[in-house]
PDB file of N, CA and C in Angstrom:
ATOM      1  N   MET A   1      52.732  20.265 -20.087  1.00  0.00           N
ATOM      2  CA  MET A   1      51.682  19.594 -19.345  1.00  0.00           C
ATOM      3  C   MET A   1      51.889  19.708 -17.834  1.00  0.00           C
ATOM      4  N   ASN A   2      53.138  19.833 -17.403  1.00  0.00           N
ATOM      5  CA  ASN A   2      53.446  19.865 -15.981  1.00  0.00           C
ATOM      6  C   ASN A   2      53.201  21.255 -15.403  1.00  0.00           C
ATOM      7  N   PRO A   3      52.144  21.421 -14.597  1.00  0.00           N
ATOM      8  CA  PRO A   3      51.868  22.742 -14.015  1.00  0.00           C
ATOM      9  C   PRO A   3      52.826  23.097 -12.881  1.00  0.00           C
ATOM     10  N   TYR A   4      53.685  22.175 -12.501  1.00  0.00           N
ATOM     11  CA  TYR A   4      54.595  22.379 -11.375  1.00  0.00           C
ATOM     12  C   TYR A   4      56.031  22.617 -11.818  1.00  0.00           C
ATOM     13  N   LYS A   5      56.244  22.942 -13.088  1.00  0.00           N
ATOM     14  CA  LYS A   5      57.601  23.086 -13.633  1.00  0.00           C
ATOM     15  C   LYS A   5      58.449  24.107 -12.873  1.00  0.00           C
ATOM     16  N   ASN A   6      57.838  25.140 -12.332  1.00  0.00           N
ATOM     17  CA  ASN A   6      58.614  26.182 -11.649  1.00  0.00           C
ATOM     18  C   ASN A   6      58.877  25.880 -10.182  1.00  0.00           C
ATOM     19  N   LEU A   7      58.345  24.777  -9.688  1.00  0.00           N
ATOM     20  CA  LEU A   7      58.581  24.408  -8.290  1.00  0.00           C
ATOM     21  C   LEU A   7      59.817  23.525  -8.192  1.00  0.00           C
ATOM     22  N   PRO A   8      60.601  23.685  -7.108  1.00  0.00           N
ATOM     23  CA  PRO A   8      61.768  22.820  -6.941  1.00  0.00           C
ATOM     24  C   PRO A   8      61.336  21.368  -6.749  1.00  0.00           C
ATOM     25  N   SER A   9      62.019  20.465  -7.419  1.00  0.00           N
ATOM     26  CA  SER A   9      61.672  19.050  -7.312  1.00  0.00           C
ATOM     27  C   SER A   9      62.869  18.213  -7.723  1.00  0.00           C
ATOM     28  N   ASP A  10      62.991  17.041  -7.098  1.00  0.00           N
ATOM     29  CA  ASP A  10      64.036  16.104  -7.516  1.00  0.00           C
ATOM     30  C   ASP A  10      63.456  15.052  -8.469  1.00  0.00           C
ATOM     31  N   THR A  11      62.193  15.235  -8.860  1.00  0.00           N
ATOM     32  CA  THR A  11      61.525  14.308  -9.771  1.00  0.00           C
ATOM     33  C   THR A  11      61.603  14.872 -11.186  1.00  0.00           C
ATOM     34  N   PRO A  12      62.100  14.072 -12.142  1.00  0.00           N
ATOM     35  CA  PRO A  12      62.181  14.556 -13.525  1.00  0.00           C
ATOM     36  C   PRO A  12      60.794  14.912 -14.081  1.00  0.00           C
ATOM     37  N   ASP A  13      60.759  15.889 -14.969  1.00  0.00           N
ATOM     38  CA  ASP A  13      59.502  16.357 -15.538  1.00  0.00           C
ATOM     39  C   ASP A  13      58.687  15.241 -16.181  1.00  0.00           C
ATOM     40  N   HIS A  14      59.338  14.325 -16.880  1.00  0.00           N
ATOM     41  CA  HIS A  14      58.576  13.268 -17.565  1.00  0.00           C
ATOM     42  C   HIS A  14      57.887  12.337 -16.558  1.00  0.00           C
ATOM     43  N   ILE A  15      58.465  12.174 -15.386  1.00  0.00           N
ATOM     44  CA  ILE A  15      57.838  11.359 -14.340  1.00  0.00           C
ATOM     45  C   ILE A  15      56.648  12.106 -13.741  1.00  0.00           C
ATOM     46  N   ILE A  16      56.819  13.394 -13.504  1.00  0.00           N
ATOM     47  CA  ILE A  16      55.710  14.206 -12.998  1.00  0.00           C
ATOM     48  C   ILE A  16      54.557  14.189 -14.000  1.00  0.00           C
ATOM     49  N   ASP A  17      54.882  14.308 -15.279  1.00  0.00           N
ATOM     50  CA  ASP A  17      53.846  14.246 -16.314  1.00  0.00           C
ATOM     51  C   ASP A  17      53.099  12.917 -16.261  1.00  0.00           C
ATOM     52  N   MET A  18      53.831  11.826 -16.043  1.00  0.00           N
ATOM     53  CA  MET A  18      53.191  10.502 -15.931  1.00  0.00           C
ATOM     54  C   MET A  18      52.278  10.452 -14.705  1.00  0.00           C
ATOM     55  N   GLN A  19      52.747  10.989 -13.591  1.00  0.00           N
ATOM     56  CA  GLN A  19      51.939  10.991 -12.365  1.00  0.00           C
ATOM     57  C   GLN A  19      50.656  11.790 -12.572  1.00  0.00           C
ATOM     58  N   ILE A  20      50.768  12.945 -13.198  1.00  0.00           N
ATOM     59  CA  ILE A  20      49.591  13.769 -13.463  1.00  0.00           C
ATOM     60  C   ILE A  20      48.623  13.024 -14.374  1.00  0.00           C
ATOM     61  N   SER A  21      49.141  12.387 -15.377  1.00  0.00           N
ATOM     62  CA  SER A  21      48.299  11.630 -16.311  1.00  0.00           C
ATOM     63  C   SER A  21      47.550  10.507 -15.595  1.00  0.00           C
ATOM     64  N   ILE A  22      48.229   9.812 -14.720  1.00  0.00           N
ATOM     65  CA  ILE A  22      47.606   8.715 -13.967  1.00  0.00           C
ATOM     66  C   ILE A  22      46.468   9.241 -13.107  1.00  0.00           C
ATOM     67  N   VAL A  23      46.701  10.346 -12.403  1.00  0.00           N
ATOM     68  CA  VAL A  23      45.666  10.917 -11.542  1.00  0.00           C
ATOM     69  C   VAL A  23      44.494  11.430 -12.373  1.00  0.00           C
ATOM     70  N   GLN A  24      44.782  12.069 -13.490  1.00  0.00           N
ATOM     71  CA  GLN A  24      43.711  12.605 -14.331  1.00  0.00           C
ATOM     72  C   GLN A  24      42.830  11.512 -14.926  1.00  0.00           C
ATOM     73  N   LYS A  25      43.346  10.314 -15.063  1.00  0.00           N
ATOM     74  CA  LYS A  25      42.561   9.197 -15.603  1.00  0.00           C
ATOM     75  C   LYS A  25      41.638   8.575 -14.560  1.00  0.00           C
ATOM     76  N   LYS A  26      41.848   8.905 -13.315  1.00  0.00           N
ATOM     77  CA  LYS A  26      41.002   8.362 -12.253  1.00  0.00           C
ATOM     78  C   LYS A  26      39.648   9.064 -12.259  1.00  0.00           C
ATOM     79  N   SER A  27      38.642   8.373 -11.748  1.00  0.00           N
ATOM     80  CA  SER A  27      37.306   8.977 -11.651  1.00  0.00           C
ATOM     81  C   SER A  27      37.323  10.053 -10.563  1.00  0.00           C
ATOM     82  N   LEU A  28      36.305  10.889 -10.591  1.00  0.00           N
ATOM     83  CA  LEU A  28      36.188  11.936  -9.577  1.00  0.00           C
ATOM     84  C   LEU A  28      36.149  11.326  -8.177  1.00  0.00           C
ATOM     85  N   MET A  29      35.414  10.238  -8.003  1.00  0.00           N
ATOM     86  CA  MET A  29      35.333   9.590  -6.692  1.00  0.00           C
ATOM     87  C   MET A  29      36.689   9.059  -6.244  1.00  0.00           C
ATOM     88  N   GLU A  30      37.460   8.510  -7.171  1.00  0.00           N
ATOM     89  CA  GLU A  30      38.797   8.022  -6.813  1.00  0.00           C
ATOM     90  C   GLU A  30      39.702   9.182  -6.388  1.00  0.00           C
ATOM     91  N   ARG A  31      39.608  10.308  -7.092  1.00  0.00           N
ATOM     92  CA  ARG A  31      40.431  11.472  -6.738  1.00  0.00           C
ATOM     93  C   ARG A  31      39.998  12.070  -5.406  1.00  0.00           C
ATOM     94  N   LEU A  32      38.699  12.113  -5.165  1.00  0.00           N
ATOM     95  CA  LEU A  32      38.223  12.595  -3.868  1.00  0.00           C
ATOM     96  C   LEU A  32      38.683  11.687  -2.738  1.00  0.00           C
ATOM     97  N   LYS A  33      38.657  10.391  -2.975  1.00  0.00           N
ATOM     98  CA  LYS A  33      39.135   9.430  -1.969  1.00  0.00           C
ATOM     99  C   LYS A  33      40.624   9.652  -1.703  1.00  0.00           C
ATOM    100  N   MET A  34      41.396   9.894  -2.753  1.00  0.00           N
ATOM    101  CA  MET A  34      42.825  10.175  -2.572  1.00  0.00           C
ATOM    102  C   MET A  34      43.028  11.423  -1.713  1.00  0.00           C
ATOM    103  N   CYS A  35      42.262  12.475  -2.000  1.00  0.00           N
ATOM    104  CA  CYS A  35      42.362  13.721  -1.220  1.00  0.00           C
ATOM    105  C   CYS A  35      41.980  13.475   0.234  1.00  0.00           C
ATOM    106  N   SER A  36      40.901  12.739   0.424  1.00  0.00           N
ATOM    107  CA  SER A  36      40.444  12.438   1.779  1.00  0.00           C
ATOM    108  C   SER A  36      41.496  11.644   2.547  1.00  0.00           C
ATOM    109  N   ASP A  37      42.070  10.655   1.898  1.00  0.00           N
ATOM    110  CA  ASP A  37      43.110   9.843   2.535  1.00  0.00           C
ATOM    111  C   ASP A  37      44.328  10.684   2.897  1.00  0.00           C
ATOM    112  N   MET A  38      44.720  11.597   1.994  1.00  0.00           N
ATOM    113  CA  MET A  38      45.879  12.453   2.274  1.00  0.00           C
ATOM    114  C   MET A  38      45.597  13.396   3.440  1.00  0.00           C
ATOM    115  N   ALA A  39      44.389  13.954   3.480  1.00  0.00           N
ATOM    116  CA  ALA A  39      44.024  14.847   4.583  1.00  0.00           C
ATOM    117  C   ALA A  39      44.011  14.084   5.899  1.00  0.00           C
ATOM    118  N   GLU A  40      43.444  12.887   5.869  1.00  0.00           N
ATOM    119  CA  GLU A  40      43.388  12.055   7.075  1.00  0.00           C
ATOM    120  C   GLU A  40      44.796  11.716   7.570  1.00  0.00           C
ATOM    121  N   PHE A  41      45.685  11.385   6.633  1.00  0.00           N
ATOM    122  CA  PHE A  41      47.056  11.054   6.997  1.00  0.00           C
ATOM    123  C   PHE A  41      47.783  12.281   7.561  1.00  0.00           C
ATOM    124  N   SER A  42      47.523  13.448   6.991  1.00  0.00           N
ATOM    125  CA  SER A  42      48.149  14.681   7.491  1.00  0.00           C
ATOM    126  C   SER A  42      47.732  14.960   8.930  1.00  0.00           C
ATOM    127  N   ILE A  43      46.460  14.762   9.233  1.00  0.00           N
ATOM    128  CA  ILE A  43      45.978  14.972  10.598  1.00  0.00           C
ATOM    129  C   ILE A  43      46.587  13.941  11.545  1.00  0.00           C
ATOM    130  N   TYR A  44      46.718  12.707  11.079  1.00  0.00           N
ATOM    131  CA  TYR A  44      47.362  11.655  11.866  1.00  0.00           C
ATOM    132  C   TYR A  44      48.799  12.067  12.208  1.00  0.00           C
ATOM    133  N   MET A  45      49.530  12.563  11.206  1.00  0.00           N
ATOM    134  CA  MET A  45      50.918  12.991  11.426  1.00  0.00           C
ATOM    135  C   MET A  45      50.971  14.180  12.395  1.00  0.00           C
ATOM    136  N   LEU A  46      50.060  15.125  12.234  1.00  0.00           N
ATOM    137  CA  LEU A  46      50.007  16.289  13.117  1.00  0.00           C
ATOM    138  C   LEU A  46      49.739  15.861  14.554  1.00  0.00           C
ATOM    139  N   LYS A  47      48.796  14.948  14.746  1.00  0.00           N
ATOM    140  CA  LYS A  47      48.506  14.450  16.094  1.00  0.00           C
ATOM    141  C   LYS A  47      49.739  13.792  16.710  1.00  0.00           C
ATOM    142  N   ASN A  48      50.465  13.027  15.909  1.00  0.00           N
ATOM    143  CA  ASN A  48      51.677  12.383  16.418  1.00  0.00           C
ATOM    144  C   ASN A  48      52.730  13.413  16.827  1.00  0.00           C
ATOM    145  N   GLN A  49      52.907  14.464  16.023  1.00  0.00           N
ATOM    146  CA  GLN A  49      53.876  15.514  16.361  1.00  0.00           C
ATOM    147  C   GLN A  49      53.497  16.189  17.681  1.00  0.00           C
ATOM    148  N   ILE A  50      52.223  16.512  17.829  1.00  0.00           N
ATOM    149  CA  ILE A  50      51.760  17.181  19.052  1.00  0.00           C
ATOM    150  C   ILE A  50      51.942  16.262  20.257  1.00  0.00           C
ATOM    151  N   THR A  51      51.593  15.001  20.104  1.00  0.00           N
ATOM    152  CA  THR A  51      51.715  14.035  21.201  1.00  0.00           C
ATOM    153  C   THR A  51      53.176  13.834  21.603  1.00  0.00           C
ATOM    154  N   GLU A  52      54.089  13.854  20.621  1.00  0.00           N
ATOM    155  CA  GLU A  52      55.514  13.732  20.942  1.00  0.00           C
ATOM    156  C   GLU A  52      56.005  14.949  21.720  1.00  0.00           C
ATOM    157  N   ARG A  53      55.507  16.136  21.367  1.00  0.00           N
ATOM    158  CA  ARG A  53      55.919  17.366  22.071  1.00  0.00           C
ATOM    159  C   ARG A  53      55.288  17.466  23.445  1.00  0.00           C
ATOM    160  N   HIS A  54      54.088  16.879  23.611  1.00  0.00           N
ATOM    161  CA  HIS A  54      53.344  16.989  24.867  1.00  0.00           C
ATOM    162  C   HIS A  54      52.853  15.612  25.319  1.00  0.00           C
ATOM    163  N   PRO A  55      53.770  14.764  25.815  1.00  0.00           N
ATOM    164  CA  PRO A  55      53.333  13.446  26.286  1.00  0.00           C
ATOM    165  C   PRO A  55      52.269  13.600  27.375  1.00  0.00           C
ATOM    166  N   GLY A  56      51.284  12.756  27.364  1.00  0.00           N
ATOM    167  CA  GLY A  56      50.242  12.802  28.372  1.00  0.00           C
ATOM    168  C   GLY A  56      49.145  13.815  28.086  1.00  0.00           C
ATOM    169  N   ILE A  57      49.179  14.434  26.916  1.00  0.00           N
ATOM    170  CA  ILE A  57      48.166  15.414  26.559  1.00  0.00           C
ATOM    171  C   ILE A  57      46.787  14.737  26.531  1.00  0.00           C
ATOM    172  N   SER A  58      45.791  15.441  27.006  1.00  0.00           N
ATOM    173  CA  SER A  58      44.441  14.868  27.022  1.00  0.00           C
ATOM    174  C   SER A  58      43.843  14.894  25.618  1.00  0.00           C
ATOM    175  N   ASP A  59      42.786  14.137  25.432  1.00  0.00           N
ATOM    176  CA  ASP A  59      42.111  14.078  24.143  1.00  0.00           C
ATOM    177  C   ASP A  59      41.581  15.453  23.737  1.00  0.00           C
ATOM    178  N   GLY A  60      40.962  16.162  24.675  1.00  0.00           N
ATOM    179  CA  GLY A  60      40.434  17.495  24.380  1.00  0.00           C
ATOM    180  C   GLY A  60      41.524  18.479  24.011  1.00  0.00           C
ATOM    181  N   GLN A  61      42.640  18.426  24.743  1.00  0.00           N
ATOM    182  CA  GLN A  61      43.764  19.308  24.431  1.00  0.00           C
ATOM    183  C   GLN A  61      44.323  18.992  23.051  1.00  0.00           C
ATOM    184  N   LEU A  62      44.443  17.705  22.743  1.00  0.00           N
ATOM    185  CA  LEU A  62      44.960  17.290  21.443  1.00  0.00           C
ATOM    186  C   LEU A  62      44.055  17.796  20.317  1.00  0.00           C
ATOM    187  N   LYS A  63      42.753  17.645  20.501  1.00  0.00           N
ATOM    188  CA  LYS A  63      41.809  18.121  19.482  1.00  0.00           C
ATOM    189  C   LYS A  63      41.954  19.626  19.275  1.00  0.00           C
ATOM    190  N   PHE A  64      42.075  20.365  20.380  1.00  0.00           N
ATOM    191  CA  PHE A  64      42.234  21.812  20.243  1.00  0.00           C
ATOM    192  C   PHE A  64      43.536  22.153  19.529  1.00  0.00           C
ATOM    193  N   GLU A  65      44.634  21.507  19.882  1.00  0.00           N
ATOM    194  CA  GLU A  65      45.926  21.800  19.255  1.00  0.00           C
ATOM    195  C   GLU A  65      45.892  21.499  17.757  1.00  0.00           C
ATOM    196  N   VAL A  66      45.161  20.464  17.364  1.00  0.00           N
ATOM    197  CA  VAL A  66      45.006  20.153  15.935  1.00  0.00           C
ATOM    198  C   VAL A  66      44.238  21.287  15.253  1.00  0.00           C
ATOM    199  N   VAL A  67      43.128  21.693  15.845  1.00  0.00           N
ATOM    200  CA  VAL A  67      42.331  22.787  15.272  1.00  0.00           C
ATOM    201  C   VAL A  67      43.175  24.052  15.179  1.00  0.00           C
ATOM    202  N   LYS A  68      43.903  24.356  16.247  1.00  0.00           N
ATOM    203  CA  LYS A  68      44.739  25.562  16.265  1.00  0.00           C
ATOM    204  C   LYS A  68      45.815  25.505  15.179  1.00  0.00           C
ATOM    205  N   SER A  69      46.436  24.351  15.011  1.00  0.00           N
ATOM    206  CA  SER A  69      47.477  24.204  13.988  1.00  0.00           C
ATOM    207  C   SER A  69      46.924  24.394  12.577  1.00  0.00           C
ATOM    208  N   LEU A  70      45.723  23.894  12.361  1.00  0.00           N
ATOM    209  CA  LEU A  70      45.143  23.959  11.018  1.00  0.00           C
ATOM    210  C   LEU A  70      44.463  25.283  10.714  1.00  0.00           C
ATOM    211  N   TYR A  71      43.875  25.919  11.741  1.00  0.00           N
ATOM    212  CA  TYR A  71      42.998  27.060  11.480  1.00  0.00           C
ATOM    213  C   TYR A  71      43.362  28.339  12.224  1.00  0.00           C
ATOM    214  N   ALA A  72      44.540  28.418  12.815  1.00  0.00           N
ATOM    215  CA  ALA A  72      44.906  29.612  13.592  1.00  0.00           C
ATOM    216  C   ALA A  72      44.822  30.888  12.761  1.00  0.00           C
ATOM    217  N   ASP A  73      45.122  30.811  11.489  1.00  0.00           N
ATOM    218  CA  ASP A  73      45.070  31.996  10.628  1.00  0.00           C
ATOM    219  C   ASP A  73      43.648  32.354  10.208  1.00  0.00           C
ATOM    220  N   CYS A  74      42.706  31.451  10.455  1.00  0.00           N
ATOM    221  CA  CYS A  74      41.325  31.665  10.014  1.00  0.00           C
ATOM    222  C   CYS A  74      40.433  32.242  11.107  1.00  0.00           C
ATOM    223  N   TYR A  75      40.856  32.125  12.359  1.00  0.00           N
ATOM    224  CA  TYR A  75      40.011  32.546  13.478  1.00  0.00           C
ATOM    225  C   TYR A  75      40.694  33.624  14.294  1.00  0.00           C
ATOM    226  N   SER A  76      39.902  34.477  14.887  1.00  0.00           N
ATOM    227  CA  SER A  76      40.427  35.487  15.795  1.00  0.00           C
ATOM    228  C   SER A  76      40.892  34.797  17.079  1.00  0.00           C
ATOM    229  N   GLU A  77      41.658  35.518  17.874  1.00  0.00           N
ATOM    230  CA  GLU A  77      42.108  34.981  19.167  1.00  0.00           C
ATOM    231  C   GLU A  77      40.908  34.657  20.053  1.00  0.00           C
ATOM    232  N   GLU A  78      39.903  35.524  20.000  1.00  0.00           N
ATOM    233  CA  GLU A  78      38.689  35.307  20.795  1.00  0.00           C
ATOM    234  C   GLU A  78      37.982  34.011  20.369  1.00  0.00           C
ATOM    235  N   ALA A  79      37.868  33.790  19.070  1.00  0.00           N
ATOM    236  CA  ALA A  79      37.219  32.568  18.576  1.00  0.00           C
ATOM    237  C   ALA A  79      38.026  31.338  18.969  1.00  0.00           C
ATOM    238  N   LEU A  80      39.350  31.432  18.869  1.00  0.00           N
ATOM    239  CA  LEU A  80      40.195  30.301  19.275  1.00  0.00           C
ATOM    240  C   LEU A  80      40.025  29.993  20.757  1.00  0.00           C
ATOM    241  N   ASN A  81      39.882  31.035  21.567  1.00  0.00           N
ATOM    242  CA  ASN A  81      39.679  30.812  23.001  1.00  0.00           C
ATOM    243  C   ASN A  81      38.350  30.111  23.268  1.00  0.00           C
ATOM    244  N   ARG A  82      37.319  30.458  22.507  1.00  0.00           N
ATOM    245  CA  ARG A  82      36.020  29.775  22.668  1.00  0.00           C
ATOM    246  C   ARG A  82      36.126  28.312  22.243  1.00  0.00           C
ATOM    247  N   ILE A  83      36.857  28.084  21.160  1.00  0.00           N
ATOM    248  CA  ILE A  83      37.069  26.699  20.701  1.00  0.00           C
ATOM    249  C   ILE A  83      37.844  25.927  21.763  1.00  0.00           C
ATOM    250  N   LYS A  84      38.865  26.554  22.319  1.00  0.00           N
ATOM    251  CA  LYS A  84      39.676  25.919  23.365  1.00  0.00           C
ATOM    252  C   LYS A  84      38.803  25.551  24.564  1.00  0.00           C
ATOM    253  N   GLU A  85      37.967  26.482  24.997  1.00  0.00           N
ATOM    254  CA  GLU A  85      37.083  26.203  26.133  1.00  0.00           C
ATOM    255  C   GLU A  85      36.146  25.036  25.829  1.00  0.00           C
ATOM    256  N   HIS A  86      35.670  24.969  24.596  1.00  0.00           N
ATOM    257  CA  HIS A  86      34.788  23.852  24.219  1.00  0.00           C
ATOM    258  C   HIS A  86      35.514  22.525  24.413  1.00  0.00           C
ATOM    259  N   PHE A  87      36.722  22.410  23.873  1.00  0.00           N
ATOM    260  CA  PHE A  87      37.453  21.148  23.973  1.00  0.00           C
ATOM    261  C   PHE A  87      37.919  20.874  25.395  1.00  0.00           C
ATOM    262  N   TYR A  88      38.292  21.919  26.111  1.00  0.00           N
ATOM    263  CA  TYR A  88      38.772  21.725  27.477  1.00  0.00           C
ATOM    264  C   TYR A  88      37.637  21.445  28.445  1.00  0.00           C
ATOM    265  N   ASP A  89      36.414  21.789  28.086  1.00  0.00           N
ATOM    266  CA  ASP A  89      35.274  21.509  28.954  1.00  0.00           C
ATOM    267  C   ASP A  89      34.775  20.079  28.829  1.00  0.00           C
ATOM    268  N   LEU A  90      35.401  19.302  27.959  1.00  0.00           N
ATOM    269  CA  LEU A  90      35.056  17.889  27.882  1.00  0.00           C
ATOM    270  C   LEU A  90      35.430  17.240  29.204  1.00  0.00           C
ATOM    271  N   PRO A  91      34.735  16.196  29.624  1.00  0.00           N
ATOM    272  CA  PRO A  91      35.043  15.561  30.914  1.00  0.00           C
ATOM    273  C   PRO A  91      36.512  15.146  31.037  1.00  0.00           C
ATOM    274  N   ASN A  92      37.070  15.345  32.223  1.00  0.00           N
ATOM    275  CA  ASN A  92      38.435  14.904  32.570  1.00  0.00           C
ATOM    276  C   ASN A  92      39.520  15.538  31.733  1.00  0.00           C
ATOM    277  N   GLN A  93      39.382  16.807  31.403  1.00  0.00           N
ATOM    278  CA  GLN A  93      40.399  17.488  30.597  1.00  0.00           C
ATOM    279  C   GLN A  93      41.232  18.385  31.498  1.00  0.00           C
ATOM    280  N   ASN A  94      42.544  18.331  31.308  1.00  0.00           N
ATOM    281  CA  ASN A  94      43.458  19.232  32.021  1.00  0.00           C
ATOM    282  C   ASN A  94      43.468  20.568  31.285  1.00  0.00           C
ATOM    283  N   ARG A  95      43.865  21.627  31.960  1.00  0.00           N
ATOM    284  CA  ARG A  95      43.909  22.948  31.314  1.00  0.00           C
ATOM    285  C   ARG A  95      45.324  23.359  30.946  1.00  0.00           C
ATOM    286  N   GLU A  96      46.317  22.589  31.279  1.00  0.00           N
ATOM    287  CA  GLU A  96      47.700  22.943  30.976  1.00  0.00           C
ATOM    288  C   GLU A  96      48.257  21.985  29.934  1.00  0.00           C
ATOM    289  N   ILE A  97      49.103  22.519  29.071  1.00  0.00           N
ATOM    290  CA  ILE A  97      49.830  21.669  28.117  1.00  0.00           C
ATOM    291  C   ILE A  97      51.302  21.800  28.442  1.00  0.00           C
TER     292      ILE A  97
END
């Protein structure tokens, strides 16, 4: 039942099976909410990491760095530069990180 058997884990298989069973019993809306919450938390953590590396970073710069971290492999350098200009053109944005 455990589709993750080949992945390294410190969690015993029977516990993973229980976790999978619990999630599978949830409604689609509950599972979507769980996914949404996890994605939101991941972005929160990413923002904190960026802010720790760049204290005083502007809101526009932070938004761009989040987009770049999540989607750098999906966009060309040219597209990323256009996205950067969009966020940096917000009022009161610095151009240096």
